[in-house]
């Protein structure tokens, strides 16, 4: 009689260690450092801000329809507002005045 013909309930012992779960064999992932959460400048209609370096990139939301009717979203670069410039605007203007100052900054830097 061979071992493979033995009863199903009797396991073959090949080692004397406790069973290890598959999750314990997987390597642990290192945690990424938490990024700085900086407040974005207020949005103007048709524009949005994207974090870039030590400041913010202003981009325009544009939809282009191709000849076969497919709409594609384009996000062309408009201008870069450095962190120091934004800090200075926040220091000088509060609340709705800050939104107006940002809108004026956008108007000055958005040259079609």
PDB file of N, CA and C in Angstrom:
ATOM      1  N   UNK A   1       0.845  -1.183   0.000  1.00  0.00           N
ATOM      2  CA  UNK A   1       0.000   0.000   0.000  1.00  0.00           C
ATOM      3  C   UNK A   1       0.886   1.240   0.000  1.00  0.00           C
ATOM      4  N   UNK A   2       0.554   2.185  -0.853  1.00  0.00           N
ATOM      5  CA  UNK A   2       1.364   3.390  -0.959  1.00  0.00           C
ATOM      6  C   UNK A   2       0.719   4.523  -0.174  1.00  0.00           C
ATOM      7  N   UNK A   3       1.478   5.589   0.054  1.00  0.00           N
ATOM      8  CA  UNK A   3       0.983   6.719   0.839  1.00  0.00           C
ATOM      9  C   UNK A   3      -0.186   7.402   0.145  1.00  0.00           C
ATOM     10  N   UNK A   4      -0.166   7.395  -1.182  1.00  0.00           N
ATOM     11  CA  UNK A   4      -1.254   8.064  -1.889  1.00  0.00           C
ATOM     12  C   UNK A   4      -2.570   7.310  -1.758  1.00  0.00           C
ATOM     13  N   UNK A   5      -2.517   6.058  -1.415  1.00  0.00           N
ATOM     14  CA  UNK A   5      -3.731   5.263  -1.265  1.00  0.00           C
ATOM     15  C   UNK A   5      -4.300   5.321   0.148  1.00  0.00           C
ATOM     16  N   UNK A   6      -3.670   6.066   1.036  1.00  0.00           N
ATOM     17  CA  UNK A   6      -4.111   6.123   2.426  1.00  0.00           C
ATOM     18  C   UNK A   6      -5.406   6.904   2.571  1.00  0.00           C
ATOM     19  N   UNK A   7      -5.967   6.873   3.757  1.00  0.00           N
ATOM     20  CA  UNK A   7      -7.219   7.594   3.989  1.00  0.00           C
ATOM     21  C   UNK A   7      -7.023   9.095   3.827  1.00  0.00           C
ATOM     22  N   UNK A   8      -8.082   9.793   3.377  1.00  0.00           N
ATOM     23  CA  UNK A   8      -8.009  11.231   3.118  1.00  0.00           C
ATOM     24  C   UNK A   8      -7.837  12.045   4.395  1.00  0.00           C
ATOM     25  N   UNK A   9      -8.317  11.546   5.511  1.00  0.00           N
ATOM     26  CA  UNK A   9      -8.277  12.323   6.742  1.00  0.00           C
ATOM     27  C   UNK A   9      -6.903  12.320   7.395  1.00  0.00           C
ATOM     28  N   UNK A  10      -6.031  11.438   7.020  1.00  0.00           N
ATOM     29  CA  UNK A  10      -4.727  11.354   7.644  1.00  0.00           C
ATOM     30  C   UNK A  10      -3.687  12.091   6.789  1.00  0.00           C
ATOM     31  N   UNK A  11      -3.288  13.312   7.202  1.00  0.00           N
ATOM     32  CA  UNK A  11      -2.316  14.046   6.385  1.00  0.00           C
ATOM     33  C   UNK A  11      -0.910  13.469   6.535  1.00  0.00           C
ATOM     34  N   UNK A  12      -0.128  13.610   5.502  1.00  0.00           N
ATOM     35  CA  UNK A  12       1.260  13.184   5.573  1.00  0.00           C
ATOM     36  C   UNK A  12       2.068  14.282   6.239  1.00  0.00           C
ATOM     37  N   UNK A  13       2.930  13.931   7.161  1.00  0.00           N
ATOM     38  CA  UNK A  13       3.742  14.912   7.863  1.00  0.00           C
ATOM     39  C   UNK A  13       5.102  14.964   7.186  1.00  0.00           C
ATOM     40  N   UNK A  14       5.411  16.105   6.613  1.00  0.00           N
ATOM     41  CA  UNK A  14       6.711  16.271   5.982  1.00  0.00           C
ATOM     42  C   UNK A  14       7.573  17.274   6.734  1.00  0.00           C
ATOM     43  N   UNK A  15       6.968  18.057   7.598  1.00  0.00           N
ATOM     44  CA  UNK A  15       7.725  19.021   8.401  1.00  0.00           C
ATOM     45  C   UNK A  15       6.993  19.219   9.719  1.00  0.00           C
ATOM     46  N   UNK A  16       7.680  19.739  10.686  1.00  0.00           N
ATOM     47  CA  UNK A  16       7.102  19.860  12.018  1.00  0.00           C
ATOM     48  C   UNK A  16       6.913  21.321  12.425  1.00  0.00           C
ATOM     49  N   UNK A  17       6.740  22.220  11.454  1.00  0.00           N
ATOM     50  CA  UNK A  17       6.455  23.613  11.760  1.00  0.00           C
ATOM     51  C   UNK A  17       4.959  23.852  11.631  1.00  0.00           C
ATOM     52  N   UNK A  18       4.502  24.936  12.268  1.00  0.00           N
ATOM     53  CA  UNK A  18       3.084  25.280  12.147  1.00  0.00           C
ATOM     54  C   UNK A  18       2.825  25.827  10.753  1.00  0.00           C
ATOM     55  N   UNK A  19       1.598  25.709  10.310  1.00  0.00           N
ATOM     56  CA  UNK A  19       1.232  26.218   8.989  1.00  0.00           C
ATOM     57  C   UNK A  19       1.332  27.736   8.964  1.00  0.00           C
ATOM     58  N   UNK A  20       1.807  28.261   7.851  1.00  0.00           N
ATOM     59  CA  UNK A  20       1.953  29.705   7.668  1.00  0.00           C
ATOM     60  C   UNK A  20       0.912  30.150   6.663  1.00  0.00           C
ATOM     61  N   UNK A  21       0.211  31.219   7.011  1.00  0.00           N
ATOM     62  CA  UNK A  21      -0.793  31.758   6.093  1.00  0.00           C
ATOM     63  C   UNK A  21      -0.089  32.411   4.907  1.00  0.00           C
ATOM     64  N   UNK A  22      -0.708  32.360   3.714  1.00  0.00           N
ATOM     65  CA  UNK A  22      -0.073  32.972   2.534  1.00  0.00           C
ATOM     66  C   UNK A  22       0.164  34.475   2.689  1.00  0.00           C
ATOM     67  N   UNK A  23      -0.707  35.158   3.450  1.00  0.00           N
ATOM     68  CA  UNK A  23      -0.514  36.600   3.627  1.00  0.00           C
ATOM     69  C   UNK A  23       0.744  36.913   4.417  1.00  0.00           C
ATOM     70  N   UNK A  24       1.132  35.993   5.304  1.00  0.00           N
ATOM     71  CA  UNK A  24       2.338  36.237   6.098  1.00  0.00           C
ATOM     72  C   UNK A  24       3.599  36.079   5.256  1.00  0.00           C
ATOM     73  N   UNK A  25       3.502  35.357   4.156  1.00  0.00           N
ATOM     74  CA  UNK A  25       4.651  35.175   3.277  1.00  0.00           C
ATOM     75  C   UNK A  25       4.861  36.354   2.338  1.00  0.00           C
ATOM     76  N   UNK A  26       3.808  37.131   2.113  1.00  0.00           N
ATOM     77  CA  UNK A  26       3.906  38.283   1.212  1.00  0.00           C
ATOM     78  C   UNK A  26       4.725  39.394   1.873  1.00  0.00           C
ATOM     79  N   UNK A  27       5.593  40.061   1.120  1.00  0.00           N
ATOM     80  CA  UNK A  27       6.361  41.165   1.712  1.00  0.00           C
ATOM     81  C   UNK A  27       5.436  42.339   2.036  1.00  0.00           C
ATOM     82  N   UNK A  28       5.738  43.014   3.113  1.00  0.00           N
ATOM     83  CA  UNK A  28       4.943  44.169   3.530  1.00  0.00           C
ATOM     84  C   UNK A  28       5.310  45.370   2.665  1.00  0.00           C
ATOM     85  N   UNK A  29       4.296  46.139   2.285  1.00  0.00           N
ATOM     86  CA  UNK A  29       4.548  47.346   1.490  1.00  0.00           C
ATOM     87  C   UNK A  29       4.913  48.503   2.415  1.00  0.00           C
ATOM     88  N   UNK A  30       5.864  49.284   1.969  1.00  0.00           N
ATOM     89  CA  UNK A  30       6.267  50.447   2.748  1.00  0.00           C
ATOM     90  C   UNK A  30       5.239  51.555   2.561  1.00  0.00           C
ATOM     91  N   UNK A  31       4.973  52.288   3.615  1.00  0.00           N
ATOM     92  CA  UNK A  31       4.027  53.396   3.531  1.00  0.00           C
ATOM     93  C   UNK A  31       4.702  54.586   2.864  1.00  0.00           C
ATOM     94  N   UNK A  32       3.946  55.227   1.984  1.00  0.00           N
ATOM     95  CA  UNK A  32       4.461  56.419   1.331  1.00  0.00           C
ATOM     96  C   UNK A  32       4.336  57.595   2.288  1.00  0.00           C
ATOM     97  N   UNK A  33       5.267  58.534   2.238  1.00  0.00           N
ATOM     98  CA  UNK A  33       5.127  59.695   3.112  1.00  0.00           C
ATOM     99  C   UNK A  33       3.929  60.535   2.677  1.00  0.00           C
ATOM    100  N   UNK A  34       3.223  61.048   3.642  1.00  0.00           N
ATOM    101  CA  UNK A  34       2.044  61.863   3.341  1.00  0.00           C
ATOM    102  C   UNK A  34       2.494  63.173   2.709  1.00  0.00           C
ATOM    103  N   UNK A  35       1.877  63.527   1.609  1.00  0.00           N
ATOM    104  CA  UNK A  35       2.215  64.773   0.939  1.00  0.00           C
ATOM    105  C   UNK A  35       1.636  65.960   1.679  1.00  0.00           C
ATOM    106  N   UNK A  36       2.216  67.098   1.451  1.00  0.00           N
ATOM    107  CA  UNK A  36       1.706  68.298   2.097  1.00  0.00           C
ATOM    108  C   UNK A  36       0.360  68.658   1.496  1.00  0.00           C
ATOM    109  N   UNK A  37      -0.576  68.972   2.337  1.00  0.00           N
ATOM    110  CA  UNK A  37      -1.893  69.371   1.850  1.00  0.00           C
ATOM    111  C   UNK A  37      -1.954  70.894   1.856  1.00  0.00           C
ATOM    112  N   UNK A  38      -1.728  71.461   0.716  1.00  0.00           N
ATOM    113  CA  UNK A  38      -1.780  72.908   0.581  1.00  0.00           C
ATOM    114  C   UNK A  38      -3.120  73.295  -0.027  1.00  0.00           C
ATOM    115  N   UNK A  39      -3.642  74.412   0.417  1.00  0.00           N
ATOM    116  CA  UNK A  39      -4.928  74.865  -0.085  1.00  0.00           C
ATOM    117  C   UNK A  39      -4.750  75.442  -1.485  1.00  0.00           C
ATOM    118  N   UNK A  40      -5.618  75.008  -2.397  1.00  0.00           N
ATOM    119  CA  UNK A  40      -5.559  75.502  -3.774  1.00  0.00           C
ATOM    120  C   UNK A  40      -6.096  76.922  -3.849  1.00  0.00           C
ATOM    121  N   UNK A  41      -5.630  77.686  -4.828  1.00  0.00           N
ATOM    122  CA  UNK A  41      -6.246  78.989  -5.073  1.00  0.00           C
ATOM    123  C   UNK A  41      -7.696  78.803  -5.527  1.00  0.00           C
ATOM    124  N   UNK A  42      -8.552  79.791  -5.296  1.00  0.00           N
ATOM    125  CA  UNK A  42      -9.950  79.660  -5.726  1.00  0.00           C
ATOM    126  C   UNK A  42     -10.061  79.471  -7.239  1.00  0.00           C
ATOM    127  N   UNK A  43     -11.022  78.656  -7.647  1.00  0.00           N
ATOM    128  CA  UNK A  43     -11.216  78.370  -9.079  1.00  0.00           C
ATOM    129  C   UNK A  43     -12.053  79.450  -9.740  1.00  0.00           C
ATOM    130  N   UNK A  44     -11.738  79.698 -10.980  1.00  0.00           N
ATOM    131  CA  UNK A  44     -12.573  80.551 -11.825  1.00  0.00           C
ATOM    132  C   UNK A  44     -13.254  79.642 -12.835  1.00  0.00           C
ATOM    133  N   UNK A  45     -14.416  80.034 -13.329  1.00  0.00           N
ATOM    134  CA  UNK A  45     -15.116  79.170 -14.293  1.00  0.00           C
ATOM    135  C   UNK A  45     -14.264  78.908 -15.535  1.00  0.00           C
ATOM    136  N   UNK A  46     -14.172  77.629 -15.921  1.00  0.00           N
ATOM    137  CA  UNK A  46     -13.414  77.254 -17.107  1.00  0.00           C
ATOM    138  C   UNK A  46     -11.947  76.985 -16.848  1.00  0.00           C
ATOM    139  N   UNK A  47     -11.466  77.195 -15.624  1.00  0.00           N
ATOM    140  CA  UNK A  47     -10.067  76.984 -15.269  1.00  0.00           C
ATOM    141  C   UNK A  47      -9.992  76.046 -14.071  1.00  0.00           C
ATOM    142  N   UNK A  48      -8.820  75.432 -13.877  1.00  0.00           N
ATOM    143  CA  UNK A  48      -8.579  74.661 -12.661  1.00  0.00           C
ATOM    144  C   UNK A  48      -7.100  74.710 -12.329  1.00  0.00           C
ATOM    145  N   UNK A  49      -6.785  74.409 -11.077  1.00  0.00           N
ATOM    146  CA  UNK A  49      -5.416  74.462 -10.585  1.00  0.00           C
ATOM    147  C   UNK A  49      -4.886  73.046 -10.408  1.00  0.00           C
ATOM    148  N   UNK A  50      -3.606  72.853 -10.728  1.00  0.00           N
ATOM    149  CA  UNK A  50      -2.946  71.564 -10.525  1.00  0.00           C
ATOM    150  C   UNK A  50      -1.617  71.837  -9.828  1.00  0.00           C
ATOM    151  N   UNK A  51      -1.338  71.081  -8.787  1.00  0.00           N
ATOM    152  CA  UNK A  51      -0.099  71.243  -8.022  1.00  0.00           C
ATOM    153  C   UNK A  51       1.094  70.938  -8.914  1.00  0.00           C
ATOM    154  N   UNK A  52       2.098  71.822  -8.888  1.00  0.00           N
ATOM    155  CA  UNK A  52       3.298  71.588  -9.688  1.00  0.00           C
ATOM    156  C   UNK A  52       4.466  72.286  -9.013  1.00  0.00           C
ATOM    157  N   UNK A  53       5.425  71.497  -8.533  1.00  0.00           N
ATOM    158  CA  UNK A  53       6.610  72.067  -7.896  1.00  0.00           C
ATOM    159  C   UNK A  53       6.229  72.843  -6.649  1.00  0.00           C
ATOM    160  N   UNK A  54       6.767  74.035  -6.524  1.00  0.00           N
ATOM    161  CA  UNK A  54       6.498  74.885  -5.363  1.00  0.00           C
ATOM    162  C   UNK A  54       5.420  75.897  -5.702  1.00  0.00           C
ATOM    163  N   UNK A  55       4.342  75.441  -6.290  1.00  0.00           N
ATOM    164  CA  UNK A  55       3.260  76.354  -6.649  1.00  0.00           C
ATOM    165  C   UNK A  55       2.155  75.612  -7.355  1.00  0.00           C
ATOM    166  N   UNK A  56       1.425  76.364  -8.179  1.00  0.00           N
ATOM    167  CA  UNK A  56       0.254  75.812  -8.858  1.00  0.00           C
ATOM    168  C   UNK A  56       0.282  76.158 -10.329  1.00  0.00           C
ATOM    169  N   UNK A  57      -0.095  75.183 -11.163  1.00  0.00           N
ATOM    170  CA  UNK A  57      -0.264  75.426 -12.596  1.00  0.00           C
ATOM    171  C   UNK A  57      -1.732  75.734 -12.849  1.00  0.00           C
ATOM    172  N   UNK A  58      -1.987  76.808 -13.582  1.00  0.00           N
ATOM    173  CA  UNK A  58      -3.343  77.136 -14.001  1.00  0.00           C
ATOM    174  C   UNK A  58      -3.560  76.497 -15.373  1.00  0.00           C
ATOM    175  N   UNK A  59      -4.636  75.743 -15.475  1.00  0.00           N
ATOM    176  CA  UNK A  59      -4.962  75.091 -16.740  1.00  0.00           C
ATOM    177  C   UNK A  59      -6.391  75.404 -17.131  1.00  0.00           C
ATOM    178  N   UNK A  60      -6.650  75.359 -18.432  1.00  0.00           N
ATOM    179  CA  UNK A  60      -7.979  75.663 -18.961  1.00  0.00           C
ATOM    180  C   UNK A  60      -8.637  74.362 -19.390  1.00  0.00           C
ATOM    181  N   UNK A  61      -9.910  74.220 -19.053  1.00  0.00           N
ATOM    182  CA  UNK A  61     -10.681  73.056 -19.488  1.00  0.00           C
ATOM    183  C   UNK A  61     -11.286  73.361 -20.848  1.00  0.00           C
ATOM    184  N   UNK A  62     -10.902  72.594 -21.869  1.00  0.00           N
ATOM    185  CA  UNK A  62     -11.400  72.813 -23.219  1.00  0.00           C
ATOM    186  C   UNK A  62     -11.835  71.471 -23.798  1.00  0.00           C
ATOM    187  N   UNK A  63     -12.974  71.470 -24.443  1.00  0.00           N
ATOM    188  CA  UNK A  63     -13.445  70.264 -25.127  1.00  0.00           C
ATOM    189  C   UNK A  63     -13.368  70.484 -26.626  1.00  0.00           C
ATOM    190  N   UNK A  64     -12.742  69.536 -27.324  1.00  0.00           N
ATOM    191  CA  UNK A  64     -12.566  69.621 -28.769  1.00  0.00           C
ATOM    192  C   UNK A  64     -13.347  68.468 -29.400  1.00  0.00           C
ATOM    193  N   UNK A  65     -14.189  68.794 -30.378  1.00  0.00           N
ATOM    194  CA  UNK A  65     -14.950  67.765 -31.083  1.00  0.00           C
ATOM    195  C   UNK A  65     -14.241  67.456 -32.399  1.00  0.00           C
ATOM    196  N   UNK A  66     -13.932  66.191 -32.610  1.00  0.00           N
ATOM    197  CA  UNK A  66     -13.242  65.799 -33.832  1.00  0.00           C
ATOM    198  C   UNK A  66     -14.252  65.686 -34.979  1.00  0.00           C
ATOM    199  N   UNK A  67     -13.758  65.431 -36.166  1.00  0.00           N
ATOM    200  CA  UNK A  67     -14.619  65.361 -37.351  1.00  0.00           C
ATOM    201  C   UNK A  67     -15.603  64.195 -37.288  1.00  0.00           C
ATOM    202  N   UNK A  68     -15.290  63.161 -36.487  1.00  0.00           N
ATOM    203  CA  UNK A  68     -16.225  62.037 -36.397  1.00  0.00           C
ATOM    204  C   UNK A  68     -17.132  62.131 -35.161  1.00  0.00           C
ATOM    205  N   UNK A  69     -17.158  63.281 -34.513  1.00  0.00           N
ATOM    206  CA  UNK A  69     -18.101  63.530 -33.428  1.00  0.00           C
ATOM    207  C   UNK A  69     -17.640  63.122 -32.042  1.00  0.00           C
ATOM    208  N   UNK A  70     -16.380  62.750 -31.883  1.00  0.00           N
ATOM    209  CA  UNK A  70     -15.867  62.348 -30.582  1.00  0.00           C
ATOM    210  C   UNK A  70     -15.347  63.578 -29.844  1.00  0.00           C
ATOM    211  N   UNK A  71     -15.845  63.780 -28.610  1.00  0.00           N
ATOM    212  CA  UNK A  71     -15.385  64.922 -27.799  1.00  0.00           C
ATOM    213  C   UNK A  71     -14.190  64.503 -26.973  1.00  0.00           C
ATOM    214  N   UNK A  72     -13.138  65.302 -27.003  1.00  0.00           N
ATOM    215  CA  UNK A  72     -11.949  65.053 -26.196  1.00  0.00           C
ATOM    216  C   UNK A  72     -11.709  66.260 -25.312  1.00  0.00           C
ATOM    217  N   UNK A  73     -11.304  65.977 -24.069  1.00  0.00           N
ATOM    218  CA  UNK A  73     -10.996  67.074 -23.148  1.00  0.00           C
ATOM    219  C   UNK A  73      -9.518  67.416 -23.252  1.00  0.00           C
ATOM    220  N   UNK A  74      -9.233  68.674 -23.468  1.00  0.00           N
ATOM    221  CA  UNK A  74      -7.861  69.176 -23.511  1.00  0.00           C
ATOM    222  C   UNK A  74      -7.675  70.081 -22.303  1.00  0.00           C
ATOM    223  N   UNK A  75      -6.472  70.055 -21.737  1.00  0.00           N
ATOM    224  CA  UNK A  75      -6.183  70.879 -20.571  1.00  0.00           C
ATOM    225  C   UNK A  75      -4.891  71.663 -20.811  1.00  0.00           C
ATOM    226  N   UNK A  76      -4.950  72.682 -21.667  1.00  0.00           N
ATOM    227  CA  UNK A  76      -3.720  73.419 -21.965  1.00  0.00           C
ATOM    228  C   UNK A  76      -3.246  74.262 -20.785  1.00  0.00           C
ATOM    229  N   UNK A  77      -1.931  74.397 -20.676  1.00  0.00           N
ATOM    230  CA  UNK A  77      -1.300  75.192 -19.634  1.00  0.00           C
ATOM    231  C   UNK A  77      -1.534  76.667 -19.909  1.00  0.00           C
ATOM    232  N   UNK A  78      -1.873  77.421 -18.855  1.00  0.00           N
ATOM    233  CA  UNK A  78      -2.081  78.862 -19.004  1.00  0.00           C
ATOM    234  C   UNK A  78      -0.950  79.629 -18.330  1.00  0.00           C
ATOM    235  N   UNK A  79      -0.716  79.376 -17.042  1.00  0.00           N
ATOM    236  CA  UNK A  79       0.313  80.107 -16.300  1.00  0.00           C
ATOM    237  C   UNK A  79       0.670  79.332 -15.036  1.00  0.00           C
ATOM    238  N   UNK A  80       1.762  79.722 -14.406  1.00  0.00           N
ATOM    239  CA  UNK A  80       2.182  79.120 -13.140  1.00  0.00           C
ATOM    240  C   UNK A  80       2.163  80.190 -12.054  1.00  0.00           C
ATOM    241  N   UNK A  81       1.505  79.878 -10.937  1.00  0.00           N
ATOM    242  CA  UNK A  81       1.498  80.781  -9.789  1.00  0.00           C
ATOM    243  C   UNK A  81       2.360  80.142  -8.708  1.00  0.00           C
ATOM    244  N   UNK A  82       3.457  80.812  -8.382  1.00  0.00           N
ATOM    245  CA  UNK A  82       4.354  80.291  -7.360  1.00  0.00           C
ATOM    246  C   UNK A  82       3.717  80.353  -5.978  1.00  0.00           C
ATOM    247  N   UNK A  83       4.239  79.558  -5.068  1.00  0.00           N
ATOM    248  CA  UNK A  83       3.709  79.518  -3.705  1.00  0.00           C
ATOM    249  C   UNK A  83       3.854  80.879  -3.029  1.00  0.00           C
ATOM    250  N   UNK A  84       4.949  81.555  -3.288  1.00  0.00           N
ATOM    251  CA  UNK A  84       5.178  82.876  -2.672  1.00  0.00           C
ATOM    252  C   UNK A  84       4.169  83.906  -3.184  1.00  0.00           C
ATOM    253  N   UNK A  85       3.858  83.876  -4.464  1.00  0.00           N
ATOM    254  CA  UNK A  85       2.866  84.789  -5.032  1.00  0.00           C
ATOM    255  C   UNK A  85       1.490  84.542  -4.421  1.00  0.00           C
ATOM    256  N   UNK A  86       1.116  83.271  -4.296  1.00  0.00           N
ATOM    257  CA  UNK A  86      -0.185  82.940  -3.712  1.00  0.00           C
ATOM    258  C   UNK A  86      -0.231  83.340  -2.241  1.00  0.00           C
ATOM    259  N   UNK A  87       0.862  83.124  -1.522  1.00  0.00           N
ATOM    260  CA  UNK A  87       0.926  83.515  -0.108  1.00  0.00           C
ATOM    261  C   UNK A  87       0.755  85.025   0.036  1.00  0.00           C
ATOM    262  N   UNK A  88       1.388  85.773  -0.866  1.00  0.00           N
ATOM    263  CA  UNK A  88       1.281  87.246  -0.821  1.00  0.00           C
ATOM    264  C   UNK A  88      -0.145  87.700  -1.126  1.00  0.00           C
ATOM    265  N   UNK A  89      -0.801  87.077  -2.119  1.00  0.00           N
ATOM    266  CA  UNK A  89      -2.193  87.421  -2.430  1.00  0.00           C
ATOM    267  C   UNK A  89      -3.116  87.096  -1.247  1.00  0.00           C
ATOM    268  N   UNK A  90      -2.872  85.961  -0.586  1.00  0.00           N
ATOM    269  CA  UNK A  90      -3.701  85.592   0.570  1.00  0.00           C
ATOM    270  C   UNK A  90      -3.495  86.570   1.726  1.00  0.00           C
ATOM    271  N   UNK A  91      -2.257  87.061   1.866  1.00  0.00           N
ATOM    272  CA  UNK A  91      -1.975  88.002   2.953  1.00  0.00           C
ATOM    273  C   UNK A  91      -2.665  89.338   2.717  1.00  0.00           C
ATOM    274  N   UNK A  92      -2.687  89.780   1.451  1.00  0.00           N
ATOM    275  CA  UNK A  92      -3.274  91.086   1.119  1.00  0.00           C
ATOM    276  C   UNK A  92      -4.793  91.068   1.026  1.00  0.00           C
ATOM    277  N   UNK A  93      -5.371  89.948   0.581  1.00  0.00           N
ATOM    278  CA  UNK A  93      -6.814  89.889   0.329  1.00  0.00           C
ATOM    279  C   UNK A  93      -7.449  88.787   1.160  1.00  0.00           C
ATOM    280  N   UNK A  94      -8.672  89.038   1.631  1.00  0.00           N
ATOM    281  CA  UNK A  94      -9.399  88.050   2.437  1.00  0.00           C
ATOM    282  C   UNK A  94     -10.753  87.761   1.796  1.00  0.00           C
ATOM    283  N   UNK A  95     -11.190  86.514   1.856  1.00  0.00           N
ATOM    284  CA  UNK A  95     -12.534  86.130   1.418  1.00  0.00           C
ATOM    285  C   UNK A  95     -12.798  86.372  -0.057  1.00  0.00           C
ATOM    286  N   UNK A  96     -13.880  87.116  -0.323  1.00  0.00           N
ATOM    287  CA  UNK A  96     -14.279  87.371  -1.710  1.00  0.00           C
ATOM    288  C   UNK A  96     -13.256  88.248  -2.436  1.00  0.00           C
ATOM    289  N   UNK A  97     -12.539  89.084  -1.680  1.00  0.00           N
ATOM    290  CA  UNK A  97     -11.511  89.917  -2.300  1.00  0.00           C
ATOM    291  C   UNK A  97     -10.387  89.052  -2.874  1.00  0.00           C
ATOM    292  N   UNK A  98     -10.101  87.942  -2.214  1.00  0.00           N
ATOM    293  CA  UNK A  98      -9.082  87.034  -2.727  1.00  0.00           C
ATOM    294  C   UNK A  98      -9.535  86.420  -4.046  1.00  0.00           C
ATOM    295  N   UNK A  99     -10.799  86.039  -4.126  1.00  0.00           N
ATOM    296  CA  UNK A  99     -11.327  85.471  -5.372  1.00  0.00           C
ATOM    297  C   UNK A  99     -11.244  86.486  -6.510  1.00  0.00           C
ATOM    298  N   UNK A 100     -11.562  87.750  -6.226  1.00  0.00           N
ATOM    299  CA  UNK A 100     -11.457  88.798  -7.255  1.00  0.00           C
ATOM    300  C   UNK A 100     -10.002  89.024  -7.664  1.00  0.00           C
ATOM    301  N   UNK A 101      -9.086  88.989  -6.688  1.00  0.00           N
ATOM    302  CA  UNK A 101      -7.662  89.173  -6.993  1.00  0.00           C
ATOM    303  C   UNK A 101      -7.134  88.030  -7.851  1.00  0.00           C
ATOM    304  N   UNK A 102      -7.572  86.815  -7.550  1.00  0.00           N
ATOM    305  CA  UNK A 102      -7.158  85.656  -8.356  1.00  0.00           C
ATOM    306  C   UNK A 102      -7.724  85.772  -9.767  1.00  0.00           C
ATOM    307  N   UNK A 103      -8.987  86.193  -9.884  1.00  0.00           N
ATOM    308  CA  UNK A 103      -9.598  86.370 -11.205  1.00  0.00           C
ATOM    309  C   UNK A 103      -8.841  87.424 -12.006  1.00  0.00           C
ATOM    310  N   UNK A 104      -8.408  88.487 -11.351  1.00  0.00           N
ATOM    311  CA  UNK A 104      -7.633  89.529 -12.033  1.00  0.00           C
ATOM    312  C   UNK A 104      -6.259  88.969 -12.454  1.00  0.00           C
ATOM    313  N   UNK A 105      -5.640  88.164 -11.586  1.00  0.00           N
ATOM    314  CA  UNK A 105      -4.350  87.554 -11.906  1.00  0.00           C
ATOM    315  C   UNK A 105      -4.490  86.646 -13.131  1.00  0.00           C
ATOM    316  N   UNK A 106      -5.590  85.896 -13.173  1.00  0.00           N
ATOM    317  CA  UNK A 106      -5.846  84.996 -14.314  1.00  0.00           C
ATOM    318  C   UNK A 106      -6.021  85.816 -15.592  1.00  0.00           C
ATOM    319  N   UNK A 107      -6.784  86.913 -15.502  1.00  0.00           N
ATOM    320  CA  UNK A 107      -7.015  87.762 -16.681  1.00  0.00           C
ATOM    321  C   UNK A 107      -5.697  88.349 -17.208  1.00  0.00           C
ATOM    322  N   UNK A 108      -4.792  88.699 -16.299  1.00  0.00           N
ATOM    323  CA  UNK A 108      -3.499  89.253 -16.710  1.00  0.00           C
ATOM    324  C   UNK A 108      -2.615  88.200 -17.382  1.00  0.00           C
ATOM    325  N   UNK A 109      -2.682  86.957 -16.903  1.00  0.00           N
ATOM    326  CA  UNK A 109      -1.770  85.922 -17.387  1.00  0.00           C
ATOM    327  C   UNK A 109      -2.342  85.066 -18.516  1.00  0.00           C
ATOM    328  N   UNK A 110      -3.636  85.136 -18.760  1.00  0.00           N
ATOM    329  CA  UNK A 110      -4.240  84.334 -19.823  1.00  0.00           C
ATOM    330  C   UNK A 110      -4.276  85.134 -21.103  1.00  0.00           C
ATOM    331  N   UNK A 111      -3.243  84.941 -21.904  1.00  0.00           N
ATOM    332  CA  UNK A 111      -3.146  85.637 -23.193  1.00  0.00           C
ATOM    333  C   UNK A 111      -3.417  84.622 -24.295  1.00  0.00           C
ATOM    334  N   UNK A 112      -4.567  84.702 -24.968  1.00  0.00           N
ATOM    335  CA  UNK A 112      -4.859  83.720 -26.030  1.00  0.00           C
ATOM    336  C   UNK A 112      -3.967  83.838 -27.243  1.00  0.00           C
TER     337      UNK A 112
END
